């Protein structure tokens, strides 16, 4: 069986175009992640700072959650459907893709009584 050189060239060009499209799409996604506003939350042995944080509604943003304490902390929000466990002295990001305007409670599940709220405007 013989191969048709023209057909092989067409396949190679098609694969190169698909690769180029995937590269462009990936770079657009990275640019958007870098453009997200970042909001910092500190958890420390049962306290959350700030206790009230205003964030944008209708667009993605990133929370940078820092557990400055010695004990583990768990960011948990039933209204956001998000949770994240952080060992002591660690920082971790959490991306929120879009919130409707309103208030969203969260707390440290490992330290009862520590509560805070995100206010999406």
C-alpha atoms as a PDB file:
ATOM      1  CA  UNK A   1       0.000   0.000   0.000  1.00  0.00           C
ATOM      2  CA  UNK A   2       1.390   3.407  -0.915  1.00  0.00           C
ATOM      3  CA  UNK A   3       0.813   6.629   0.943  1.00  0.00           C
ATOM      4  CA  UNK A   4      -0.315   9.793  -0.698  1.00  0.00           C
ATOM      5  CA  UNK A   5       2.138  12.604   0.236  1.00  0.00           C
ATOM      6  CA  UNK A   6      -0.533  15.274  -0.233  1.00  0.00           C
ATOM      7  CA  UNK A   7      -2.868  13.525   2.190  1.00  0.00           C
ATOM      8  CA  UNK A   8      -0.128  13.243   4.830  1.00  0.00           C
ATOM      9  CA  UNK A   9       0.597  16.960   4.478  1.00  0.00           C
ATOM     10  CA  UNK A  10      -3.065  17.803   4.982  1.00  0.00           C
ATOM     11  CA  UNK A  11      -3.197  15.706   8.168  1.00  0.00           C
ATOM     12  CA  UNK A  12      -0.038  17.362   9.527  1.00  0.00           C
ATOM     13  CA  UNK A  13      -1.363  20.845   8.793  1.00  0.00           C
ATOM     14  CA  UNK A  14      -4.691  19.976  10.457  1.00  0.00           C
ATOM     15  CA  UNK A  15      -2.908  18.691  13.571  1.00  0.00           C
ATOM     16  CA  UNK A  16      -0.748  21.827  13.699  1.00  0.00           C
ATOM     17  CA  UNK A  17      -3.860  24.037  13.484  1.00  0.00           C
ATOM     18  CA  UNK A  18      -5.603  22.097  16.257  1.00  0.00           C
ATOM     19  CA  UNK A  19      -2.491  22.492  18.438  1.00  0.00           C
ATOM     20  CA  UNK A  20      -2.368  26.213  17.728  1.00  0.00           C
ATOM     21  CA  UNK A  21      -6.041  26.655  18.630  1.00  0.00           C
ATOM     22  CA  UNK A  22      -5.550  24.762  21.904  1.00  0.00           C
ATOM     23  CA  UNK A  23      -2.535  26.930  22.746  1.00  0.00           C
ATOM     24  CA  UNK A  24      -4.487  30.146  22.110  1.00  0.00           C
ATOM     25  CA  UNK A  25      -7.452  28.952  24.196  1.00  0.00           C
ATOM     26  CA  UNK A  26      -5.140  27.974  27.085  1.00  0.00           C
ATOM     27  CA  UNK A  27      -3.362  31.344  27.013  1.00  0.00           C
ATOM     28  CA  UNK A  28      -6.693  33.197  27.127  1.00  0.00           C
ATOM     29  CA  UNK A  29      -7.676  31.172  30.213  1.00  0.00           C
ATOM     30  CA  UNK A  30      -4.376  32.012  31.924  1.00  0.00           C
ATOM     31  CA  UNK A  31      -4.777  35.698  31.175  1.00  0.00           C
ATOM     32  CA  UNK A  32      -8.235  35.678  32.754  1.00  0.00           C
ATOM     33  CA  UNK A  33      -6.964  33.958  35.908  1.00  0.00           C
ATOM     34  CA  UNK A  34      -4.273  36.604  36.294  1.00  0.00           C
ATOM     35  CA  UNK A  35      -6.827  39.394  35.821  1.00  0.00           C
ATOM     36  CA  UNK A  36      -9.026  38.200  38.699  1.00  0.00           C
ATOM     37  CA  UNK A  37      -9.088  40.439  41.745  1.00  0.00           C
ATOM     38  CA  UNK A  38      -7.648  38.778  44.849  1.00  0.00           C
ATOM     39  CA  UNK A  39      -9.171  39.155  48.319  1.00  0.00           C
ATOM     40  CA  UNK A  40      -7.309  38.012  51.427  1.00  0.00           C
ATOM     41  CA  UNK A  41      -8.797  36.207  54.398  1.00  0.00           C
ATOM     42  CA  UNK A  42      -6.782  35.295  57.481  1.00  0.00           C
ATOM     43  CA  UNK A  43      -7.813  32.502  59.812  1.00  0.00           C
ATOM     44  CA  UNK A  44      -5.900  32.208  63.077  1.00  0.00           C
ATOM     45  CA  UNK A  45      -6.785  29.824  65.898  1.00  0.00           C
ATOM     46  CA  UNK A  46     -10.511  30.591  65.819  1.00  0.00           C
ATOM     47  CA  UNK A  47     -10.555  34.170  64.501  1.00  0.00           C
ATOM     48  CA  UNK A  48     -11.323  35.261  60.937  1.00  0.00           C
ATOM     49  CA  UNK A  49     -10.121  38.602  59.562  1.00  0.00           C
ATOM     50  CA  UNK A  50     -11.876  40.482  58.083  1.00  0.00           C
ATOM     51  CA  UNK A  51     -15.193  39.397  59.521  1.00  0.00           C
ATOM     52  CA  UNK A  52     -17.009  41.123  56.634  1.00  0.00           C
ATOM     53  CA  UNK A  53     -15.486  41.219  53.157  1.00  0.00           C
ATOM     54  CA  UNK A  54     -17.001  42.948  50.126  1.00  0.00           C
ATOM     55  CA  UNK A  55     -16.387  41.183  46.792  1.00  0.00           C
ATOM     56  CA  UNK A  56     -17.649  41.809  43.245  1.00  0.00           C
ATOM     57  CA  UNK A  57     -20.858  40.143  42.106  1.00  0.00           C
ATOM     58  CA  UNK A  58     -21.269  38.698  38.641  1.00  0.00           C
ATOM     59  CA  UNK A  59     -17.568  38.110  37.906  1.00  0.00           C
ATOM     60  CA  UNK A  60     -14.817  35.730  38.965  1.00  0.00           C
ATOM     61  CA  UNK A  61     -12.460  36.520  41.816  1.00  0.00           C
ATOM     62  CA  UNK A  62      -9.952  34.704  43.967  1.00  0.00           C
ATOM     63  CA  UNK A  63      -9.844  34.321  47.726  1.00  0.00           C
ATOM     64  CA  UNK A  64      -6.396  33.889  49.224  1.00  0.00           C
ATOM     65  CA  UNK A  65      -7.011  32.076  52.481  1.00  0.00           C
ATOM     66  CA  UNK A  66      -4.163  32.196  54.981  1.00  0.00           C
ATOM     67  CA  UNK A  67      -4.159  30.073  58.114  1.00  0.00           C
ATOM     68  CA  UNK A  68      -1.728  32.068  60.238  1.00  0.00           C
ATOM     69  CA  UNK A  69      -2.465  29.944  63.304  1.00  0.00           C
ATOM     70  CA  UNK A  70      -0.747  26.891  64.689  1.00  0.00           C
ATOM     71  CA  UNK A  71      -3.827  24.661  64.488  1.00  0.00           C
ATOM     72  CA  UNK A  72      -5.673  23.476  61.364  1.00  0.00           C
ATOM     73  CA  UNK A  73      -8.564  25.567  60.063  1.00  0.00           C
ATOM     74  CA  UNK A  74     -11.406  24.743  57.706  1.00  0.00           C
ATOM     75  CA  UNK A  75     -12.961  27.429  55.522  1.00  0.00           C
ATOM     76  CA  UNK A  76     -16.530  26.276  55.083  1.00  0.00           C
ATOM     77  CA  UNK A  77     -19.552  27.929  53.521  1.00  0.00           C
ATOM     78  CA  UNK A  78     -22.874  26.206  53.095  1.00  0.00           C
ATOM     79  CA  UNK A  79     -24.221  29.071  50.956  1.00  0.00           C
ATOM     80  CA  UNK A  80     -21.175  29.022  48.642  1.00  0.00           C
ATOM     81  CA  UNK A  81     -20.964  25.211  48.633  1.00  0.00           C
ATOM     82  CA  UNK A  82     -17.213  25.496  49.301  1.00  0.00           C
ATOM     83  CA  UNK A  83     -14.852  24.095  51.884  1.00  0.00           C
ATOM     84  CA  UNK A  84     -11.108  23.878  52.279  1.00  0.00           C
ATOM     85  CA  UNK A  85      -8.922  22.511  55.072  1.00  0.00           C
ATOM     86  CA  UNK A  86      -5.677  24.345  55.759  1.00  0.00           C
ATOM     87  CA  UNK A  87      -2.947  23.060  58.075  1.00  0.00           C
ATOM     88  CA  UNK A  88      -1.362  25.641  60.359  1.00  0.00           C
ATOM     89  CA  UNK A  89       0.905  28.250  58.733  1.00  0.00           C
ATOM     90  CA  UNK A  90      -0.347  27.672  55.164  1.00  0.00           C
ATOM     91  CA  UNK A  91      -2.018  29.718  52.433  1.00  0.00           C
ATOM     92  CA  UNK A  92      -4.294  28.409  49.712  1.00  0.00           C
ATOM     93  CA  UNK A  93      -6.292  30.019  46.886  1.00  0.00           C
ATOM     94  CA  UNK A  94      -9.984  29.509  46.206  1.00  0.00           C
ATOM     95  CA  UNK A  95     -11.563  30.727  42.966  1.00  0.00           C
ATOM     96  CA  UNK A  96     -15.178  31.874  43.036  1.00  0.00           C
ATOM     97  CA  UNK A  97     -16.528  32.063  39.508  1.00  0.00           C
ATOM     98  CA  UNK A  98     -19.631  34.187  39.946  1.00  0.00           C
ATOM     99  CA  UNK A  99     -21.888  35.282  42.776  1.00  0.00           C
ATOM    100  CA  UNK A 100     -25.291  36.861  42.723  1.00  0.00           C
ATOM    101  CA  UNK A 101     -25.516  40.027  44.860  1.00  0.00           C
ATOM    102  CA  UNK A 102     -26.074  39.119  48.482  1.00  0.00           C
ATOM    103  CA  UNK A 103     -24.431  37.876  51.665  1.00  0.00           C
ATOM    104  CA  UNK A 104     -22.649  34.537  51.951  1.00  0.00           C
ATOM    105  CA  UNK A 105     -21.760  33.259  55.419  1.00  0.00           C
ATOM    106  CA  UNK A 106     -18.618  31.230  56.050  1.00  0.00           C
ATOM    107  CA  UNK A 107     -16.921  29.879  59.147  1.00  0.00           C
ATOM    108  CA  UNK A 108     -14.004  27.870  60.499  1.00  0.00           C
ATOM    109  CA  UNK A 109     -15.508  24.431  61.039  1.00  0.00           C
ATOM    110  CA  UNK A 110     -12.652  23.451  63.389  1.00  0.00           C
ATOM    111  CA  UNK A 111     -13.273  26.450  65.689  1.00  0.00           C
ATOM    112  CA  UNK A 112     -16.965  26.785  66.595  1.00  0.00           C
ATOM    113  CA  UNK A 113     -18.127  30.353  66.886  1.00  0.00           C
ATOM    114  CA  UNK A 114     -15.749  31.804  64.294  1.00  0.00           C
ATOM    115  CA  UNK A 115     -17.960  33.319  61.611  1.00  0.00           C
ATOM    116  CA  UNK A 116     -17.611  35.835  58.807  1.00  0.00           C
ATOM    117  CA  UNK A 117     -19.476  36.938  55.705  1.00  0.00           C
ATOM    118  CA  UNK A 118     -18.736  37.707  52.050  1.00  0.00           C
ATOM    119  CA  UNK A 119     -20.875  40.535  50.691  1.00  0.00           C
ATOM    120  CA  UNK A 120     -21.224  40.362  46.908  1.00  0.00           C
ATOM    121  CA  UNK A 121     -22.085  43.727  45.314  1.00  0.00           C
END
